Amino acid sequence: MSALVEYLVETLNATVKRSTDRVTFKGKGYGGHVTLDAGTVEGSVRLGGMMKPLKGVISREIGKVLDQYLGAP
């Protein structure tokens, strides 16, 4: 979780709130959360109006990072 928090703060300039199993984040034009449970990762990202045209690019990048950190089959 700490690598995610570091990325959100340093790279995306997000404001982050962290609890034991959940990270909530907000930045200019986006917000969301990631929850870690025993063997499960669940997340949601909300895009503001100006960011919606980038939805496809953002989705692909999220997928790449998840594959990298979670070891895609």
PDB file of N, CA and C in Angstrom:
ATOM      1  N   MET A   1       0.821  -1.200   0.000  1.00  0.00           N
ATOM      2  CA  MET A   1       0.000   0.000   0.000  1.00  0.00           C
ATOM      3  C   MET A   1       0.858   1.254   0.000  1.00  0.00           C
ATOM      4  N   SER A   2       2.005   1.180   0.638  1.00  0.00           N
ATOM      5  CA  SER A   2       2.834   2.378   0.726  1.00  0.00           C
ATOM      6  C   SER A   2       3.336   2.824  -0.639  1.00  0.00           C
ATOM      7  N   ALA A   3       3.614   1.888  -1.547  1.00  0.00           N
ATOM      8  CA  ALA A   3       4.054   2.251  -2.898  1.00  0.00           C
ATOM      9  C   ALA A   3       2.933   2.975  -3.648  1.00  0.00           C
ATOM     10  N   LEU A   4       1.699   2.545  -3.449  1.00  0.00           N
ATOM     11  CA  LEU A   4       0.552   3.202  -4.075  1.00  0.00           C
ATOM     12  C   LEU A   4       0.394   4.619  -3.543  1.00  0.00           C
ATOM     13  N   VAL A   5       0.470   4.766  -2.236  1.00  0.00           N
ATOM     14  CA  VAL A   5       0.341   6.091  -1.622  1.00  0.00           C
ATOM     15  C   VAL A   5       1.443   7.011  -2.128  1.00  0.00           C
ATOM     16  N   GLU A   6       2.660   6.512  -2.185  1.00  0.00           N
ATOM     17  CA  GLU A   6       3.782   7.310  -2.672  1.00  0.00           C
ATOM     18  C   GLU A   6       3.548   7.758  -4.116  1.00  0.00           C
ATOM     19  N   TYR A   7       3.090   6.844  -4.966  1.00  0.00           N
ATOM     20  CA  TYR A   7       2.810   7.171  -6.365  1.00  0.00           C
ATOM     21  C   TYR A   7       1.724   8.240  -6.474  1.00  0.00           C
ATOM     22  N   LEU A   8       0.644   8.058  -5.744  1.00  0.00           N
ATOM     23  CA  LEU A   8      -0.462   9.013  -5.803  1.00  0.00           C
ATOM     24  C   LEU A   8      -0.032  10.409  -5.364  1.00  0.00           C
ATOM     25  N   VAL A   9       0.754  10.481  -4.302  1.00  0.00           N
ATOM     26  CA  VAL A   9       1.178  11.775  -3.772  1.00  0.00           C
ATOM     27  C   VAL A   9       2.249  12.414  -4.659  1.00  0.00           C
ATOM     28  N   GLU A  10       3.295  11.657  -4.969  1.00  0.00           N
ATOM     29  CA  GLU A  10       4.439  12.238  -5.673  1.00  0.00           C
ATOM     30  C   GLU A  10       4.216  12.412  -7.167  1.00  0.00           C
ATOM     31  N   THR A  11       3.566  11.462  -7.801  1.00  0.00           N
ATOM     32  CA  THR A  11       3.398  11.521  -9.250  1.00  0.00           C
ATOM     33  C   THR A  11       2.121  12.243  -9.660  1.00  0.00           C
ATOM     34  N   LEU A  12       1.026  11.964  -8.951  1.00  0.00           N
ATOM     35  CA  LEU A  12      -0.263  12.535  -9.347  1.00  0.00           C
ATOM     36  C   LEU A  12      -0.686  13.718  -8.486  1.00  0.00           C
ATOM     37  N   ASN A  13       0.124  14.061  -7.495  1.00  0.00           N
ATOM     38  CA  ASN A  13      -0.169  15.198  -6.623  1.00  0.00           C
ATOM     39  C   ASN A  13      -1.548  15.085  -5.956  1.00  0.00           C
ATOM     40  N   ALA A  14      -1.897  13.868  -5.559  1.00  0.00           N
ATOM     41  CA  ALA A  14      -3.195  13.606  -4.946  1.00  0.00           C
ATOM     42  C   ALA A  14      -3.136  13.816  -3.436  1.00  0.00           C
ATOM     43  N   THR A  15      -4.285  14.122  -2.878  1.00  0.00           N
ATOM     44  CA  THR A  15      -4.474  14.121  -1.437  1.00  0.00           C
ATOM     45  C   THR A  15      -4.924  12.715  -1.068  1.00  0.00           C
ATOM     46  N   VAL A  16      -4.273  12.109  -0.095  1.00  0.00           N
ATOM     47  CA  VAL A  16      -4.519  10.706   0.222  1.00  0.00           C
ATOM     48  C   VAL A  16      -4.894  10.550   1.685  1.00  0.00           C
ATOM     49  N   LYS A  17      -5.921   9.726   1.920  1.00  0.00           N
ATOM     50  CA  LYS A  17      -6.289   9.299   3.271  1.00  0.00           C
ATOM     51  C   LYS A  17      -6.120   7.789   3.301  1.00  0.00           C
ATOM     52  N   ARG A  18      -5.460   7.304   4.334  1.00  0.00           N
ATOM     53  CA  ARG A  18      -5.161   5.879   4.402  1.00  0.00           C
ATOM     54  C   ARG A  18      -5.645   5.283   5.706  1.00  0.00           C
ATOM     55  N   SER A  19      -6.277   4.119   5.602  1.00  0.00           N
ATOM     56  CA  SER A  19      -6.616   3.332   6.783  1.00  0.00           C
ATOM     57  C   SER A  19      -5.925   1.982   6.618  1.00  0.00           C
ATOM     58  N   THR A  20      -6.206   1.054   7.475  1.00  0.00           N
ATOM     59  CA  THR A  20      -5.537  -0.241   7.440  1.00  0.00           C
ATOM     60  C   THR A  20      -5.665  -0.938   6.095  1.00  0.00           C
ATOM     61  N   ASP A  21      -6.858  -0.957   5.515  1.00  0.00           N
ATOM     62  CA  ASP A  21      -7.075  -1.713   4.284  1.00  0.00           C
ATOM     63  C   ASP A  21      -7.610  -0.867   3.122  1.00  0.00           C
ATOM     64  N   ARG A  22      -7.634   0.452   3.279  1.00  0.00           N
ATOM     65  CA  ARG A  22      -8.229   1.295   2.247  1.00  0.00           C
ATOM     66  C   ARG A  22      -7.438   2.584   2.049  1.00  0.00           C
ATOM     67  N   VAL A  23      -7.271   2.962   0.786  1.00  0.00           N
ATOM     68  CA  VAL A  23      -6.661   4.239   0.429  1.00  0.00           C
ATOM     69  C   VAL A  23      -7.699   5.024  -0.367  1.00  0.00           C
ATOM     70  N   THR A  24      -7.981   6.226   0.089  1.00  0.00           N
ATOM     71  CA  THR A  24      -8.897   7.120  -0.622  1.00  0.00           C
ATOM     72  C   THR A  24      -8.056   8.289  -1.116  1.00  0.00           C
ATOM     73  N   PHE A  25      -8.278   8.674  -2.383  1.00  0.00           N
ATOM     74  CA  PHE A  25      -7.449   9.722  -2.962  1.00  0.00           C
ATOM     75  C   PHE A  25      -8.292  10.696  -3.779  1.00  0.00           C
ATOM     76  N   LYS A  26      -7.780  11.921  -3.900  1.00  0.00           N
ATOM     77  CA  LYS A  26      -8.467  12.947  -4.665  1.00  0.00           C
ATOM     78  C   LYS A  26      -7.433  13.889  -5.254  1.00  0.00           C
ATOM     79  N   GLY A  27      -7.620  14.214  -6.506  1.00  0.00           N
ATOM     80  CA  GLY A  27      -6.749  15.156  -7.190  1.00  0.00           C
ATOM     81  C   GLY A  27      -7.580  16.030  -8.106  1.00  0.00           C
ATOM     82  N   LYS A  28      -6.924  16.877  -8.844  1.00  0.00           N
ATOM     83  CA  LYS A  28      -7.631  17.787  -9.738  1.00  0.00           C
ATOM     84  C   LYS A  28      -8.236  16.989 -10.897  1.00  0.00           C
ATOM     85  N   GLY A  29      -9.554  16.843 -10.887  1.00  0.00           N
ATOM     86  CA  GLY A  29     -10.263  16.152 -11.957  1.00  0.00           C
ATOM     87  C   GLY A  29     -10.469  14.665 -11.752  1.00  0.00           C
ATOM     88  N   TYR A  30     -10.105  14.134 -10.589  1.00  0.00           N
ATOM     89  CA  TYR A  30     -10.294  12.705 -10.338  1.00  0.00           C
ATOM     90  C   TYR A  30     -10.355  12.425  -8.841  1.00  0.00           C
ATOM     91  N   GLY A  31     -10.848  11.261  -8.517  1.00  0.00           N
ATOM     92  CA  GLY A  31     -10.892  10.800  -7.136  1.00  0.00           C
ATOM     93  C   GLY A  31     -11.201   9.325  -7.139  1.00  0.00           C
ATOM     94  N   GLY A  32     -10.995   8.672  -6.019  1.00  0.00           N
ATOM     95  CA  GLY A  32     -11.307   7.255  -5.963  1.00  0.00           C
ATOM     96  C   GLY A  32     -10.811   6.591  -4.703  1.00  0.00           C
ATOM     97  N   HIS A  33     -10.814   5.267  -4.751  1.00  0.00           N
ATOM     98  CA  HIS A  33     -10.350   4.484  -3.612  1.00  0.00           C
ATOM     99  C   HIS A  33      -9.796   3.145  -4.080  1.00  0.00           C
ATOM    100  N   VAL A  34      -8.975   2.547  -3.236  1.00  0.00           N
ATOM    101  CA  VAL A  34      -8.473   1.190  -3.430  1.00  0.00           C
ATOM    102  C   VAL A  34      -8.596   0.489  -2.087  1.00  0.00           C
ATOM    103  N   THR A  35      -9.186  -0.704  -2.096  1.00  0.00           N
ATOM    104  CA  THR A  35      -9.341  -1.501  -0.886  1.00  0.00           C
ATOM    105  C   THR A  35      -8.624  -2.828  -1.066  1.00  0.00           C
ATOM    106  N   LEU A  36      -7.819  -3.202  -0.083  1.00  0.00           N
ATOM    107  CA  LEU A  36      -7.126  -4.484  -0.088  1.00  0.00           C
ATOM    108  C   LEU A  36      -7.741  -5.372   0.980  1.00  0.00           C
ATOM    109  N   ASP A  37      -8.070  -6.572   0.570  1.00  0.00           N
ATOM    110  CA  ASP A  37      -8.620  -7.561   1.478  1.00  0.00           C
ATOM    111  C   ASP A  37      -7.816  -8.837   1.249  1.00  0.00           C
ATOM    112  N   ALA A  38      -8.014  -9.838   2.027  1.00  0.00           N
ATOM    113  CA  ALA A  38      -7.270 -11.084   1.884  1.00  0.00           C
ATOM    114  C   ALA A  38      -7.360 -11.606   0.445  1.00  0.00           C
ATOM    115  N   GLY A  39      -6.319 -11.358  -0.344  1.00  0.00           N
ATOM    116  CA  GLY A  39      -6.267 -11.851  -1.714  1.00  0.00           C
ATOM    117  C   GLY A  39      -7.096 -11.086  -2.719  1.00  0.00           C
ATOM    118  N   THR A  40      -7.665  -9.952  -2.342  1.00  0.00           N
ATOM    119  CA  THR A  40      -8.536  -9.194  -3.233  1.00  0.00           C
ATOM    120  C   THR A  40      -8.147  -7.719  -3.252  1.00  0.00           C
ATOM    121  N   VAL A  41      -8.132  -7.161  -4.446  1.00  0.00           N
ATOM    122  CA  VAL A  41      -7.924  -5.727  -4.607  1.00  0.00           C
ATOM    123  C   VAL A  41      -9.147  -5.183  -5.326  1.00  0.00           C
ATOM    124  N   GLU A  42      -9.751  -4.144  -4.765  1.00  0.00           N
ATOM    125  CA  GLU A  42     -10.922  -3.530  -5.381  1.00  0.00           C
ATOM    126  C   GLU A  42     -10.670  -2.029  -5.439  1.00  0.00           C
ATOM    127  N   GLY A  43     -11.008  -1.442  -6.555  1.00  0.00           N
ATOM    128  CA  GLY A  43     -10.786  -0.014  -6.684  1.00  0.00           C
ATOM    129  C   GLY A  43     -11.813   0.655  -7.559  1.00  0.00           C
ATOM    130  N   SER A  44     -11.868   1.947  -7.425  1.00  0.00           N
ATOM    131  CA  SER A  44     -12.793   2.758  -8.208  1.00  0.00           C
ATOM    132  C   SER A  44     -12.141   4.111  -8.436  1.00  0.00           C
ATOM    133  N   VAL A  45     -12.278   4.623  -9.667  1.00  0.00           N
ATOM    134  CA  VAL A  45     -11.772   5.948  -9.996  1.00  0.00           C
ATOM    135  C   VAL A  45     -12.900   6.716 -10.658  1.00  0.00           C
ATOM    136  N   ARG A  46     -13.144   7.936 -10.173  1.00  0.00           N
ATOM    137  CA  ARG A  46     -14.139   8.833 -10.761  1.00  0.00           C
ATOM    138  C   ARG A  46     -13.400   9.946 -11.485  1.00  0.00           C
ATOM    139  N   LEU A  47     -13.781  10.176 -12.723  1.00  0.00           N
ATOM    140  CA  LEU A  47     -13.137  11.217 -13.506  1.00  0.00           C
ATOM    141  C   LEU A  47     -14.059  12.408 -13.660  1.00  0.00           C
ATOM    142  N   GLY A  48     -13.500  13.603 -13.523  1.00  0.00           N
ATOM    143  CA  GLY A  48     -14.257  14.823 -13.765  1.00  0.00           C
ATOM    144  C   GLY A  48     -14.415  15.043 -15.260  1.00  0.00           C
ATOM    145  N   GLY A  49     -15.190  16.027 -15.626  1.00  0.00           N
ATOM    146  CA  GLY A  49     -15.511  16.299 -17.022  1.00  0.00           C
ATOM    147  C   GLY A  49     -14.311  16.466 -17.928  1.00  0.00           C
ATOM    148  N   MET A  50     -13.289  17.157 -17.467  1.00  0.00           N
ATOM    149  CA  MET A  50     -12.114  17.396 -18.296  1.00  0.00           C
ATOM    150  C   MET A  50     -11.265  16.137 -18.477  1.00  0.00           C
ATOM    151  N   MET A  51     -11.375  15.187 -17.572  1.00  0.00           N
ATOM    152  CA  MET A  51     -10.573  13.964 -17.636  1.00  0.00           C
ATOM    153  C   MET A  51     -11.262  12.832 -18.390  1.00  0.00           C
ATOM    154  N   LYS A  52     -12.573  12.917 -18.578  1.00  0.00           N
ATOM    155  CA  LYS A  52     -13.315  11.819 -19.202  1.00  0.00           C
ATOM    156  C   LYS A  52     -12.804  11.431 -20.588  1.00  0.00           C
ATOM    157  N   PRO A  53     -12.351  12.370 -21.421  1.00  0.00           N
ATOM    158  CA  PRO A  53     -11.809  11.952 -22.720  1.00  0.00           C
ATOM    159  C   PRO A  53     -10.573  11.049 -22.608  1.00  0.00           C
ATOM    160  N   LEU A  54      -9.922  11.044 -21.451  1.00  0.00           N
ATOM    161  CA  LEU A  54      -8.731  10.224 -21.239  1.00  0.00           C
ATOM    162  C   LEU A  54      -9.040   8.881 -20.587  1.00  0.00           C
ATOM    163  N   LYS A  55     -10.310   8.530 -20.481  1.00  0.00           N
ATOM    164  CA  LYS A  55     -10.723   7.318 -19.783  1.00  0.00           C
ATOM    165  C   LYS A  55     -10.014   6.065 -20.309  1.00  0.00           C
ATOM    166  N   GLY A  56      -9.934   5.906 -21.621  1.00  0.00           N
ATOM    167  CA  GLY A  56      -9.294   4.721 -22.193  1.00  0.00           C
ATOM    168  C   GLY A  56      -7.826   4.627 -21.831  1.00  0.00           C
ATOM    169  N   VAL A  57      -7.118   5.724 -21.946  1.00  0.00           N
ATOM    170  CA  VAL A  57      -5.695   5.762 -21.623  1.00  0.00           C
ATOM    171  C   VAL A  57      -5.484   5.466 -20.146  1.00  0.00           C
ATOM    172  N   ILE A  58      -6.287   6.073 -19.301  1.00  0.00           N
ATOM    173  CA  ILE A  58      -6.169   5.871 -17.851  1.00  0.00           C
ATOM    174  C   ILE A  58      -6.470   4.419 -17.493  1.00  0.00           C
ATOM    175  N   SER A  59      -7.491   3.833 -18.088  1.00  0.00           N
ATOM    176  CA  SER A  59      -7.836   2.432 -17.820  1.00  0.00           C
ATOM    177  C   SER A  59      -6.695   1.496 -18.202  1.00  0.00           C
ATOM    178  N   ARG A  60      -6.079   1.738 -19.358  1.00  0.00           N
ATOM    179  CA  ARG A  60      -4.957   0.899 -19.790  1.00  0.00           C
ATOM    180  C   ARG A  60      -3.771   1.024 -18.831  1.00  0.00           C
ATOM    181  N   GLU A  61      -3.481   2.234 -18.389  1.00  0.00           N
ATOM    182  CA  GLU A  61      -2.366   2.446 -17.468  1.00  0.00           C
ATOM    183  C   GLU A  61      -2.613   1.766 -16.121  1.00  0.00           C
ATOM    184  N   ILE A  62      -3.839   1.850 -15.632  1.00  0.00           N
ATOM    185  CA  ILE A  62      -4.177   1.159 -14.377  1.00  0.00           C
ATOM    186  C   ILE A  62      -3.964  -0.335 -14.549  1.00  0.00           C
ATOM    187  N   GLY A  63      -4.407  -0.890 -15.660  1.00  0.00           N
ATOM    188  CA  GLY A  63      -4.222  -2.316 -15.937  1.00  0.00           C
ATOM    189  C   GLY A  63      -2.758  -2.717 -15.982  1.00  0.00           C
ATOM    190  N   LYS A  64      -1.928  -1.912 -16.631  1.00  0.00           N
ATOM    191  CA  LYS A  64      -0.489  -2.198 -16.707  1.00  0.00           C
ATOM    192  C   LYS A  64       0.151  -2.213 -15.329  1.00  0.00           C
ATOM    193  N   VAL A  65      -0.186  -1.216 -14.525  1.00  0.00           N
ATOM    194  CA  VAL A  65       0.408  -1.128 -13.187  1.00  0.00           C
ATOM    195  C   VAL A  65      -0.057  -2.297 -12.314  1.00  0.00           C
ATOM    196  N   LEU A  66      -1.331  -2.642 -12.391  1.00  0.00           N
ATOM    197  CA  LEU A  66      -1.818  -3.797 -11.623  1.00  0.00           C
ATOM    198  C   LEU A  66      -1.114  -5.069 -12.054  1.00  0.00           C
ATOM    199  N   ASP A  67      -0.950  -5.268 -13.363  1.00  0.00           N
ATOM    200  CA  ASP A  67      -0.234  -6.443 -13.854  1.00  0.00           C
ATOM    201  C   ASP A  67       1.198  -6.470 -13.330  1.00  0.00           C
ATOM    202  N   GLN A  68       1.847  -5.310 -13.334  1.00  0.00           N
ATOM    203  CA  GLN A  68       3.229  -5.211 -12.871  1.00  0.00           C
ATOM    204  C   GLN A  68       3.358  -5.559 -11.394  1.00  0.00           C
ATOM    205  N   TYR A  69       2.476  -5.003 -10.563  1.00  0.00           N
ATOM    206  CA  TYR A  69       2.594  -5.206  -9.113  1.00  0.00           C
ATOM    207  C   TYR A  69       1.956  -6.491  -8.628  1.00  0.00           C
ATOM    208  N   LEU A  70       0.944  -6.969  -9.329  1.00  0.00           N
ATOM    209  CA  LEU A  70       0.243  -8.152  -8.853  1.00  0.00           C
ATOM    210  C   LEU A  70       0.627  -9.411  -9.625  1.00  0.00           C
ATOM    211  N   GLY A  71       1.463  -9.271 -10.652  1.00  0.00           N
ATOM    212  CA  GLY A  71       1.932 -10.431 -11.402  1.00  0.00           C
ATOM    213  C   GLY A  71       0.850 -11.040 -12.258  1.00  0.00           C
ATOM    214  N   ALA A  72       0.632 -10.467 -13.426  1.00  0.00           N
ATOM    215  CA  ALA A  72      -0.377 -10.998 -14.360  1.00  0.00           C
ATOM    216  C   ALA A  72      -0.021 -12.412 -14.769  1.00  0.00           C
ATOM    217  N   PRO A  73      -1.030 -13.261 -14.933  1.00  0.00           N
ATOM    218  CA  PRO A  73      -0.768 -14.648 -15.339  1.00  0.00           C
ATOM    219  C   PRO A  73      -0.240 -14.738 -16.754  1.00  0.00           C
TER     220      PRO A  73
END
